[in-house]
PDB file of N, CA and C in Angstrom:
ATOM      1  N   UNK A   1      25.179 219.517 117.884  1.00  0.00           N
ATOM      2  CA  UNK A   1      26.347 218.806 118.090  1.00  0.00           C
ATOM      3  C   UNK A   1      26.637 218.449 119.426  1.00  0.00           C
ATOM      4  N   UNK A   2      26.748 216.978 119.972  1.00  0.00           N
ATOM      5  CA  UNK A   2      26.563 216.769 121.145  1.00  0.00           C
ATOM      6  C   UNK A   2      28.054 216.793 122.018  1.00  0.00           C
ATOM      7  N   UNK A   3      29.164 217.131 121.058  1.00  0.00           N
ATOM      8  CA  UNK A   3      30.720 217.071 121.636  1.00  0.00           C
ATOM      9  C   UNK A   3      30.982 218.187 121.259  1.00  0.00           C
ATOM     10  N   UNK A   4      31.896 218.842 122.466  1.00  0.00           N
ATOM     11  CA  UNK A   4      32.418 220.294 122.303  1.00  0.00           C
ATOM     12  C   UNK A   4      33.976 220.076 122.409  1.00  0.00           C
ATOM     13  N   UNK A   5      34.549 221.318 122.463  1.00  0.00           N
ATOM     14  CA  UNK A   5      35.812 221.831 122.675  1.00  0.00           C
ATOM     15  C   UNK A   5      36.224 221.126 124.066  1.00  0.00           C
ATOM     16  N   UNK A   6      37.445 220.350 124.445  1.00  0.00           N
ATOM     17  CA  UNK A   6      37.486 220.144 125.780  1.00  0.00           C
ATOM     18  C   UNK A   6      37.217 218.780 126.262  1.00  0.00           C
ATOM     19  N   UNK A   7      36.341 218.161 125.576  1.00  0.00           N
ATOM     20  CA  UNK A   7      35.608 216.846 125.906  1.00  0.00           C
ATOM     21  C   UNK A   7      36.723 215.824 125.860  1.00  0.00           C
ATOM     22  N   UNK A   8      36.658 214.887 126.854  1.00  0.00           N
ATOM     23  CA  UNK A   8      37.619 213.849 126.465  1.00  0.00           C
ATOM     24  C   UNK A   8      36.765 212.712 125.894  1.00  0.00           C
ATOM     25  N   UNK A   9      37.369 212.157 124.650  1.00  0.00           N
ATOM     26  CA  UNK A   9      36.456 211.359 123.914  1.00  0.00           C
ATOM     27  C   UNK A   9      37.522 209.952 123.308  1.00  0.00           C
ATOM     28  N   UNK A  10      36.770 209.153 123.006  1.00  0.00           N
ATOM     29  CA  UNK A  10      37.423 207.917 122.431  1.00  0.00           C
ATOM     30  C   UNK A  10      36.847 207.578 120.893  1.00  0.00           C
ATOM     31  N   UNK A  11      37.624 207.155 120.106  1.00  0.00           N
ATOM     32  CA  UNK A  11      37.286 206.735 118.727  1.00  0.00           C
ATOM     33  C   UNK A  11      36.893 205.136 118.962  1.00  0.00           C
ATOM     34  N   UNK A  12      35.669 205.192 117.761  1.00  0.00           N
ATOM     35  CA  UNK A  12      34.774 204.011 117.912  1.00  0.00           C
ATOM     36  C   UNK A  12      34.800 203.373 116.725  1.00  0.00           C
ATOM     37  N   UNK A  13      35.357 203.976 115.749  1.00  0.00           N
ATOM     38  CA  UNK A  13      35.526 203.443 114.440  1.00  0.00           C
ATOM     39  C   UNK A  13      36.681 204.001 113.486  1.00  0.00           C
ATOM     40  N   UNK A  14      37.050 203.204 112.439  1.00  0.00           N
ATOM     41  CA  UNK A  14      38.211 203.604 111.872  1.00  0.00           C
ATOM     42  C   UNK A  14      39.628 203.130 112.177  1.00  0.00           C
ATOM     43  N   UNK A  15      40.747 203.718 111.530  1.00  0.00           N
ATOM     44  CA  UNK A  15      41.953 203.342 111.587  1.00  0.00           C
ATOM     45  C   UNK A  15      42.557 203.642 112.961  1.00  0.00           C
ATOM     46  N   UNK A  16      41.888 204.390 114.017  1.00  0.00           N
ATOM     47  CA  UNK A  16      42.437 204.944 115.063  1.00  0.00           C
ATOM     48  C   UNK A  16      41.564 204.336 116.174  1.00  0.00           C
ATOM     49  N   UNK A  17      40.542 203.317 115.998  1.00  0.00           N
ATOM     50  CA  UNK A  17      39.421 202.706 116.896  1.00  0.00           C
ATOM     51  C   UNK A  17      40.484 202.335 117.953  1.00  0.00           C
ATOM     52  N   UNK A  18      39.618 202.890 119.322  1.00  0.00           N
ATOM     53  CA  UNK A  18      40.622 202.410 120.796  1.00  0.00           C
ATOM     54  C   UNK A  18      41.271 203.616 120.920  1.00  0.00           C
ATOM     55  N   UNK A  19      41.648 204.523 120.378  1.00  0.00           N
ATOM     56  CA  UNK A  19      42.381 205.640 120.874  1.00  0.00           C
ATOM     57  C   UNK A  19      41.730 206.825 121.391  1.00  0.00           C
ATOM     58  N   UNK A  20      41.951 207.509 122.645  1.00  0.00           N
ATOM     59  CA  UNK A  20      41.430 208.368 123.131  1.00  0.00           C
ATOM     60  C   UNK A  20      42.106 209.550 123.096  1.00  0.00           C
ATOM     61  N   UNK A  21      41.495 210.697 123.231  1.00  0.00           N
ATOM     62  CA  UNK A  21      42.267 212.185 123.557  1.00  0.00           C
ATOM     63  C   UNK A  21      41.142 213.004 123.934  1.00  0.00           C
ATOM     64  N   UNK A  22      41.784 214.462 123.886  1.00  0.00           N
ATOM     65  CA  UNK A  22      40.910 215.536 124.463  1.00  0.00           C
ATOM     66  C   UNK A  22      40.581 216.091 122.635  1.00  0.00           C
ATOM     67  N   UNK A  23      39.545 216.692 122.553  1.00  0.00           N
ATOM     68  CA  UNK A  23      38.876 217.290 121.381  1.00  0.00           C
ATOM     69  C   UNK A  23      39.907 218.820 121.414  1.00  0.00           C
ATOM     70  N   UNK A  24      40.113 218.940 120.300  1.00  0.00           N
ATOM     71  CA  UNK A  24      41.019 220.130 120.095  1.00  0.00           C
ATOM     72  C   UNK A  24      40.436 221.295 119.619  1.00  0.00           C
ATOM     73  N   UNK A  25      39.494 221.081 118.683  1.00  0.00           N
ATOM     74  CA  UNK A  25      39.011 221.848 117.521  1.00  0.00           C
ATOM     75  C   UNK A  25      37.348 221.135 117.059  1.00  0.00           C
ATOM     76  N   UNK A  26      36.657 222.028 117.247  1.00  0.00           N
ATOM     77  CA  UNK A  26      35.269 221.436 116.637  1.00  0.00           C
ATOM     78  C   UNK A  26      34.634 222.159 115.669  1.00  0.00           C
ATOM     79  N   UNK A  27      33.963 221.745 114.540  1.00  0.00           N
ATOM     80  CA  UNK A  27      33.415 222.365 113.541  1.00  0.00           C
ATOM     81  C   UNK A  27      31.774 221.685 113.490  1.00  0.00           C
ATOM     82  N   UNK A  28      31.195 222.275 114.031  1.00  0.00           N
ATOM     83  CA  UNK A  28      29.642 221.933 114.241  1.00  0.00           C
ATOM     84  C   UNK A  28      29.040 221.862 112.810  1.00  0.00           C
ATOM     85  N   UNK A  29      29.291 223.189 112.002  1.00  0.00           N
ATOM     86  CA  UNK A  29      28.430 222.933 110.632  1.00  0.00           C
ATOM     87  C   UNK A  29      29.004 222.045 109.669  1.00  0.00           C
ATOM     88  N   UNK A  30      30.034 221.157 110.057  1.00  0.00           N
ATOM     89  CA  UNK A  30      30.842 220.040 109.364  1.00  0.00           C
ATOM     90  C   UNK A  30      30.448 218.905 109.754  1.00  0.00           C
ATOM     91  N   UNK A  31      30.102 218.657 111.350  1.00  0.00           N
ATOM     92  CA  UNK A  31      29.943 217.774 112.264  1.00  0.00           C
ATOM     93  C   UNK A  31      31.343 217.280 112.534  1.00  0.00           C
ATOM     94  N   UNK A  32      32.604 217.816 112.640  1.00  0.00           N
ATOM     95  CA  UNK A  32      33.530 217.418 112.940  1.00  0.00           C
ATOM     96  C   UNK A  32      34.400 217.569 113.517  1.00  0.00           C
ATOM     97  N   UNK A  33      35.433 216.888 114.405  1.00  0.00           N
ATOM     98  CA  UNK A  33      36.183 217.187 115.506  1.00  0.00           C
ATOM     99  C   UNK A  33      37.738 216.910 115.101  1.00  0.00           C
ATOM    100  N   UNK A  34      38.400 217.639 115.846  1.00  0.00           N
ATOM    101  CA  UNK A  34      40.059 217.477 115.770  1.00  0.00           C
ATOM    102  C   UNK A  34      40.580 217.090 117.169  1.00  0.00           C
ATOM    103  N   UNK A  35      40.849 215.872 116.918  1.00  0.00           N
ATOM    104  CA  UNK A  35      41.338 215.394 118.524  1.00  0.00           C
ATOM    105  C   UNK A  35      42.743 215.005 118.367  1.00  0.00           C
ATOM    106  N   UNK A  36      43.526 215.738 119.604  1.00  0.00           N
ATOM    107  CA  UNK A  36      44.884 215.893 119.958  1.00  0.00           C
ATOM    108  C   UNK A  36      45.575 214.328 119.623  1.00  0.00           C
ATOM    109  N   UNK A  37      46.728 214.093 118.609  1.00  0.00           N
ATOM    110  CA  UNK A  37      47.289 212.829 118.962  1.00  0.00           C
ATOM    111  C   UNK A  37      46.616 211.748 118.330  1.00  0.00           C
ATOM    112  N   UNK A  38      45.108 211.835 117.497  1.00  0.00           N
ATOM    113  CA  UNK A  38      44.565 211.025 116.633  1.00  0.00           C
ATOM    114  C   UNK A  38      44.211 211.409 115.375  1.00  0.00           C
ATOM    115  N   UNK A  39      44.119 210.463 114.478  1.00  0.00           N
ATOM    116  CA  UNK A  39      44.001 210.931 112.840  1.00  0.00           C
ATOM    117  C   UNK A  39      45.239 211.461 112.187  1.00  0.00           C
ATOM    118  N   UNK A  40      46.169 211.291 112.896  1.00  0.00           N
ATOM    119  CA  UNK A  40      47.830 212.425 112.379  1.00  0.00           C
ATOM    120  C   UNK A  40      48.267 212.291 110.976  1.00  0.00           C
ATOM    121  N   UNK A  41      48.096 212.925 110.227  1.00  0.00           N
ATOM    122  CA  UNK A  41      48.700 213.060 108.960  1.00  0.00           C
ATOM    123  C   UNK A  41      49.982 213.968 108.414  1.00  0.00           C
ATOM    124  N   UNK A  42      50.670 213.410 107.704  1.00  0.00           N
ATOM    125  CA  UNK A  42      51.775 214.353 107.333  1.00  0.00           C
ATOM    126  C   UNK A  42      51.674 215.279 106.140  1.00  0.00           C
ATOM    127  N   UNK A  43      51.717 216.357 106.277  1.00  0.00           N
ATOM    128  CA  UNK A  43      51.895 217.381 105.129  1.00  0.00           C
ATOM    129  C   UNK A  43      52.962 218.018 104.728  1.00  0.00           C
ATOM    130  N   UNK A  44      53.216 218.456 103.719  1.00  0.00           N
ATOM    131  CA  UNK A  44      54.524 218.793 103.212  1.00  0.00           C
ATOM    132  C   UNK A  44      54.138 220.548 102.832  1.00  0.00           C
ATOM    133  N   UNK A  45      54.902 220.885 103.834  1.00  0.00           N
ATOM    134  CA  UNK A  45      54.532 222.396 103.750  1.00  0.00           C
ATOM    135  C   UNK A  45      55.893 223.047 103.031  1.00  0.00           C
ATOM    136  N   UNK A  46      55.272 223.975 102.108  1.00  0.00           N
ATOM    137  CA  UNK A  46      56.305 224.818 101.109  1.00  0.00           C
ATOM    138  C   UNK A  46      57.133 225.576 102.089  1.00  0.00           C
ATOM    139  N   UNK A  47      58.337 226.060 101.625  1.00  0.00           N
ATOM    140  CA  UNK A  47      59.241 226.706 101.947  1.00  0.00           C
ATOM    141  C   UNK A  47      58.749 228.537 101.854  1.00  0.00           C
ATOM    142  N   UNK A  48      59.395 229.226 102.599  1.00  0.00           N
ATOM    143  CA  UNK A  48      58.969 230.473 102.536  1.00  0.00           C
ATOM    144  C   UNK A  48      60.396 231.544 102.148  1.00  0.00           C
ATOM    145  N   UNK A  49      60.330 232.515 102.591  1.00  0.00           N
ATOM    146  CA  UNK A  49      61.830 233.250 102.175  1.00  0.00           C
ATOM    147  C   UNK A  49      62.317 233.084 103.160  1.00  0.00           C
ATOM    148  N   UNK A  50      63.549 232.493 102.861  1.00  0.00           N
ATOM    149  CA  UNK A  50      64.767 231.760 103.674  1.00  0.00           C
ATOM    150  C   UNK A  50      64.552 231.059 104.521  1.00  0.00           C
ATOM    151  N   UNK A  51      63.337 229.874 104.616  1.00  0.00           N
ATOM    152  CA  UNK A  51      63.266 228.965 104.978  1.00  0.00           C
ATOM    153  C   UNK A  51      62.992 227.690 103.861  1.00  0.00           C
ATOM    154  N   UNK A  52      63.379 226.444 104.991  1.00  0.00           N
ATOM    155  CA  UNK A  52      63.186 225.117 104.106  1.00  0.00           C
ATOM    156  C   UNK A  52      61.734 224.713 103.939  1.00  0.00           C
ATOM    157  N   UNK A  53      61.342 223.924 103.246  1.00  0.00           N
ATOM    158  CA  UNK A  53      60.448 223.431 103.360  1.00  0.00           C
ATOM    159  C   UNK A  53      60.406 222.060 103.953  1.00  0.00           C
ATOM    160  N   UNK A  54      59.332 221.559 104.713  1.00  0.00           N
ATOM    161  CA  UNK A  54      59.327 220.292 105.470  1.00  0.00           C
ATOM    162  C   UNK A  54      58.173 219.652 105.531  1.00  0.00           C
ATOM    163  N   UNK A  55      58.163 218.514 105.975  1.00  0.00           N
ATOM    164  CA  UNK A  55      57.032 217.699 106.474  1.00  0.00           C
ATOM    165  C   UNK A  55      56.324 217.691 107.724  1.00  0.00           C
ATOM    166  N   UNK A  56      55.232 218.064 107.808  1.00  0.00           N
ATOM    167  CA  UNK A  56      54.777 218.644 109.200  1.00  0.00           C
ATOM    168  C   UNK A  56      53.629 217.341 109.362  1.00  0.00           C
ATOM    169  N   UNK A  57      53.458 217.268 110.731  1.00  0.00           N
ATOM    170  CA  UNK A  57      52.212 216.334 111.117  1.00  0.00           C
ATOM    171  C   UNK A  57      51.268 216.808 111.661  1.00  0.00           C
ATOM    172  N   UNK A  58      50.135 216.507 111.211  1.00  0.00           N
ATOM    173  CA  UNK A  58      49.003 217.702 111.645  1.00  0.00           C
ATOM    174  C   UNK A  58      47.989 216.414 112.137  1.00  0.00           C
ATOM    175  N   UNK A  59      46.956 216.701 113.125  1.00  0.00           N
ATOM    176  CA  UNK A  59      45.807 215.949 113.226  1.00  0.00           C
ATOM    177  C   UNK A  59      44.865 216.406 112.394  1.00  0.00           C
ATOM    178  N   UNK A  60      44.157 215.478 111.768  1.00  0.00           N
ATOM    179  CA  UNK A  60      42.831 215.827 110.944  1.00  0.00           C
ATOM    180  C   UNK A  60      41.561 215.487 111.183  1.00  0.00           C
ATOM    181  N   UNK A  61      40.679 216.095 111.002  1.00  0.00           N
ATOM    182  CA  UNK A  61      39.409 216.131 111.330  1.00  0.00           C
ATOM    183  C   UNK A  61      38.720 214.609 111.254  1.00  0.00           C
ATOM    184  N   UNK A  62      37.904 214.237 112.540  1.00  0.00           N
ATOM    185  CA  UNK A  62      37.234 213.193 112.270  1.00  0.00           C
ATOM    186  C   UNK A  62      35.509 213.460 112.255  1.00  0.00           C
ATOM    187  N   UNK A  63      34.987 212.645 111.695  1.00  0.00           N
ATOM    188  CA  UNK A  63      33.538 212.823 111.854  1.00  0.00           C
ATOM    189  C   UNK A  63      32.972 212.454 113.311  1.00  0.00           C
ATOM    190  N   UNK A  64      31.855 213.261 113.906  1.00  0.00           N
ATOM    191  CA  UNK A  64      31.209 213.092 114.976  1.00  0.00           C
ATOM    192  C   UNK A  64      30.964 211.669 115.363  1.00  0.00           C
ATOM    193  N   UNK A  65      30.042 210.866 114.206  1.00  0.00           N
ATOM    194  CA  UNK A  65      29.962 209.635 114.366  1.00  0.00           C
ATOM    195  C   UNK A  65      30.702 208.644 115.041  1.00  0.00           C
ATOM    196  N   UNK A  66      32.119 209.473 114.804  1.00  0.00           N
ATOM    197  CA  UNK A  66      32.981 208.098 114.770  1.00  0.00           C
ATOM    198  C   UNK A  66      33.557 208.049 116.177  1.00  0.00           C
ATOM    199  N   UNK A  67      33.107 209.307 117.004  1.00  0.00           N
ATOM    200  CA  UNK A  67      33.842 209.473 118.454  1.00  0.00           C
ATOM    201  C   UNK A  67      32.826 209.062 119.468  1.00  0.00           C
ATOM    202  N   UNK A  68      32.964 208.924 120.815  1.00  0.00           N
ATOM    203  CA  UNK A  68      32.093 208.975 121.961  1.00  0.00           C
ATOM    204  C   UNK A  68      32.971 209.544 123.196  1.00  0.00           C
ATOM    205  N   UNK A  69      31.885 210.030 123.625  1.00  0.00           N
ATOM    206  CA  UNK A  69      32.365 210.830 125.155  1.00  0.00           C
ATOM    207  C   UNK A  69      32.633 209.627 126.117  1.00  0.00           C
ATOM    208  N   UNK A  70      33.675 210.107 126.917  1.00  0.00           N
ATOM    209  CA  UNK A  70      33.894 209.286 127.780  1.00  0.00           C
ATOM    210  C   UNK A  70      33.533 209.866 129.418  1.00  0.00           C
ATOM    211  N   UNK A  71      32.995 208.967 130.083  1.00  0.00           N
ATOM    212  CA  UNK A  71      32.280 209.141 131.471  1.00  0.00           C
ATOM    213  C   UNK A  71      33.257 208.312 132.432  1.00  0.00           C
ATOM    214  N   UNK A  72      34.316 208.397 133.239  1.00  0.00           N
ATOM    215  CA  UNK A  72      34.971 207.838 133.872  1.00  0.00           C
ATOM    216  C   UNK A  72      36.128 206.960 132.846  1.00  0.00           C
ATOM    217  N   UNK A  73      36.180 205.735 132.409  1.00  0.00           N
ATOM    218  CA  UNK A  73      36.871 205.048 131.545  1.00  0.00           C
ATOM    219  C   UNK A  73      35.976 204.384 130.427  1.00  0.00           C
ATOM    220  N   UNK A  74      34.515 204.643 130.537  1.00  0.00           N
ATOM    221  CA  UNK A  74      33.738 204.197 129.314  1.00  0.00           C
ATOM    222  C   UNK A  74      33.322 204.987 128.415  1.00  0.00           C
ATOM    223  N   UNK A  75      32.971 204.697 127.703  1.00  0.00           N
ATOM    224  CA  UNK A  75      32.248 205.385 126.612  1.00  0.00           C
ATOM    225  C   UNK A  75      30.680 205.782 126.792  1.00  0.00           C
ATOM    226  N   UNK A  76      30.235 206.964 126.822  1.00  0.00           N
ATOM    227  CA  UNK A  76      28.793 206.841 126.927  1.00  0.00           C
ATOM    228  C   UNK A  76      28.243 207.569 125.773  1.00  0.00           C
ATOM    229  N   UNK A  77      26.907 207.329 125.827  1.00  0.00           N
ATOM    230  CA  UNK A  77      25.972 207.965 124.842  1.00  0.00           C
ATOM    231  C   UNK A  77      25.671 209.561 125.423  1.00  0.00           C
ATOM    232  N   UNK A  78      25.412 210.344 124.807  1.00  0.00           N
ATOM    233  CA  UNK A  78      25.114 211.689 125.434  1.00  0.00           C
ATOM    234  C   UNK A  78      23.641 212.423 125.066  1.00  0.00           C
ATOM    235  N   UNK A  79      23.162 212.897 126.142  1.00  0.00           N
ATOM    236  CA  UNK A  79      21.582 213.228 125.838  1.00  0.00           C
ATOM    237  C   UNK A  79      21.368 214.392 126.469  1.00  0.00           C
ATOM    238  N   UNK A  80      20.263 215.072 126.231  1.00  0.00           N
ATOM    239  CA  UNK A  80      20.092 216.515 126.867  1.00  0.00           C
ATOM    240  C   UNK A  80      18.595 216.525 127.772  1.00  0.00           C
ATOM    241  N   UNK A  81      18.951 217.442 129.049  1.00  0.00           N
ATOM    242  CA  UNK A  81      18.057 217.408 130.066  1.00  0.00           C
ATOM    243  C   UNK A  81      17.691 218.992 130.327  1.00  0.00           C
ATOM    244  N   UNK A  82      16.757 219.219 130.632  1.00  0.00           N
ATOM    245  CA  UNK A  82      16.621 220.645 131.126  1.00  0.00           C
ATOM    246  C   UNK A  82      16.397 220.661 132.867  1.00  0.00           C
ATOM    247  N   UNK A  83      17.461 221.281 133.392  1.00  0.00           N
ATOM    248  CA  UNK A  83      17.298 221.608 134.378  1.00  0.00           C
ATOM    249  C   UNK A  83      17.487 223.131 135.073  1.00  0.00           C
ATOM    250  N   UNK A  84      16.565 223.528 135.822  1.00  0.00           N
ATOM    251  CA  UNK A  84      16.499 225.089 136.235  1.00  0.00           C
ATOM    252  C   UNK A  84      16.353 226.066 135.079  1.00  0.00           C
ATOM    253  N   UNK A  85      15.814 225.410 133.919  1.00  0.00           N
ATOM    254  CA  UNK A  85      15.902 226.540 133.198  1.00  0.00           C
ATOM    255  C   UNK A  85      17.036 226.420 131.930  1.00  0.00           C
ATOM    256  N   UNK A  86      18.118 225.382 132.308  1.00  0.00           N
ATOM    257  CA  UNK A  86      19.118 225.289 131.017  1.00  0.00           C
ATOM    258  C   UNK A  86      19.183 223.984 130.683  1.00  0.00           C
ATOM    259  N   UNK A  87      19.559 224.177 129.548  1.00  0.00           N
ATOM    260  CA  UNK A  87      19.672 222.933 128.920  1.00  0.00           C
ATOM    261  C   UNK A  87      21.127 222.448 129.561  1.00  0.00           C
ATOM    262  N   UNK A  88      21.183 221.087 130.049  1.00  0.00           N
ATOM    263  CA  UNK A  88      22.480 220.153 130.386  1.00  0.00           C
ATOM    264  C   UNK A  88      22.808 218.878 129.537  1.00  0.00           C
ATOM    265  N   UNK A  89      23.724 218.962 129.448  1.00  0.00           N
ATOM    266  CA  UNK A  89      24.179 217.257 128.438  1.00  0.00           C
ATOM    267  C   UNK A  89      24.311 216.389 129.911  1.00  0.00           C
ATOM    268  N   UNK A  90      23.736 215.272 129.387  1.00  0.00           N
ATOM    269  CA  UNK A  90      23.944 213.972 130.633  1.00  0.00           C
ATOM    270  C   UNK A  90      24.300 212.883 129.911  1.00  0.00           C
ATOM    271  N   UNK A  91      24.902 211.730 130.427  1.00  0.00           N
ATOM    272  CA  UNK A  91      24.900 210.508 130.526  1.00  0.00           C
ATOM    273  C   UNK A  91      23.724 209.660 130.064  1.00  0.00           C
ATOM    274  N   UNK A  92      23.340 208.782 129.003  1.00  0.00           N
ATOM    275  CA  UNK A  92      22.401 208.055 128.513  1.00  0.00           C
ATOM    276  C   UNK A  92      22.493 207.051 129.708  1.00  0.00           C
ATOM    277  N   UNK A  93      23.598 206.595 129.893  1.00  0.00           N
ATOM    278  CA  UNK A  93      24.142 205.275 130.880  1.00  0.00           C
ATOM    279  C   UNK A  93      23.382 205.497 132.564  1.00  0.00           C
ATOM    280  N   UNK A  94      24.472 206.666 132.788  1.00  0.00           N
ATOM    281  CA  UNK A  94      24.049 206.793 134.277  1.00  0.00           C
ATOM    282  C   UNK A  94      22.923 207.840 134.390  1.00  0.00           C
ATOM    283  N   UNK A  95      22.685 208.954 133.679  1.00  0.00           N
ATOM    284  CA  UNK A  95      21.588 209.903 133.931  1.00  0.00           C
ATOM    285  C   UNK A  95      22.820 211.341 134.856  1.00  0.00           C
ATOM    286  N   UNK A  96      23.623 211.002 134.806  1.00  0.00           N
ATOM    287  CA  UNK A  96      24.501 212.238 135.613  1.00  0.00           C
ATOM    288  C   UNK A  96      24.915 213.133 134.074  1.00  0.00           C
ATOM    289  N   UNK A  97      24.998 214.775 134.904  1.00  0.00           N
ATOM    290  CA  UNK A  97      25.183 215.375 134.056  1.00  0.00           C
ATOM    291  C   UNK A  97      27.081 215.587 133.706  1.00  0.00           C
ATOM    292  N   UNK A  98      26.876 215.829 132.523  1.00  0.00           N
ATOM    293  CA  UNK A  98      28.631 215.854 132.153  1.00  0.00           C
ATOM    294  C   UNK A  98      29.134 217.190 131.900  1.00  0.00           C
TER     295      UNK A  98
END
């Protein structure tokens, strides 16, 4: 998976198309990412001992294919290159390391 926690991404498909944010959590096995402030759903939380139930808004996961990494202000595709024996992520558009 080419997108990692802390990356700045933009959503390219779905109801939140065009929104951008920082990757909060990534799930490589499921190929999903959670982005702060994007794909927010309401969840009903049951009350515990002495507390009331409430409705909580939480960002839900998006599939990796629906987001693109942002370089500057434009979305770019990501590739890999080996430099000095290390695997480095690069921008396919400019060739710069990300």
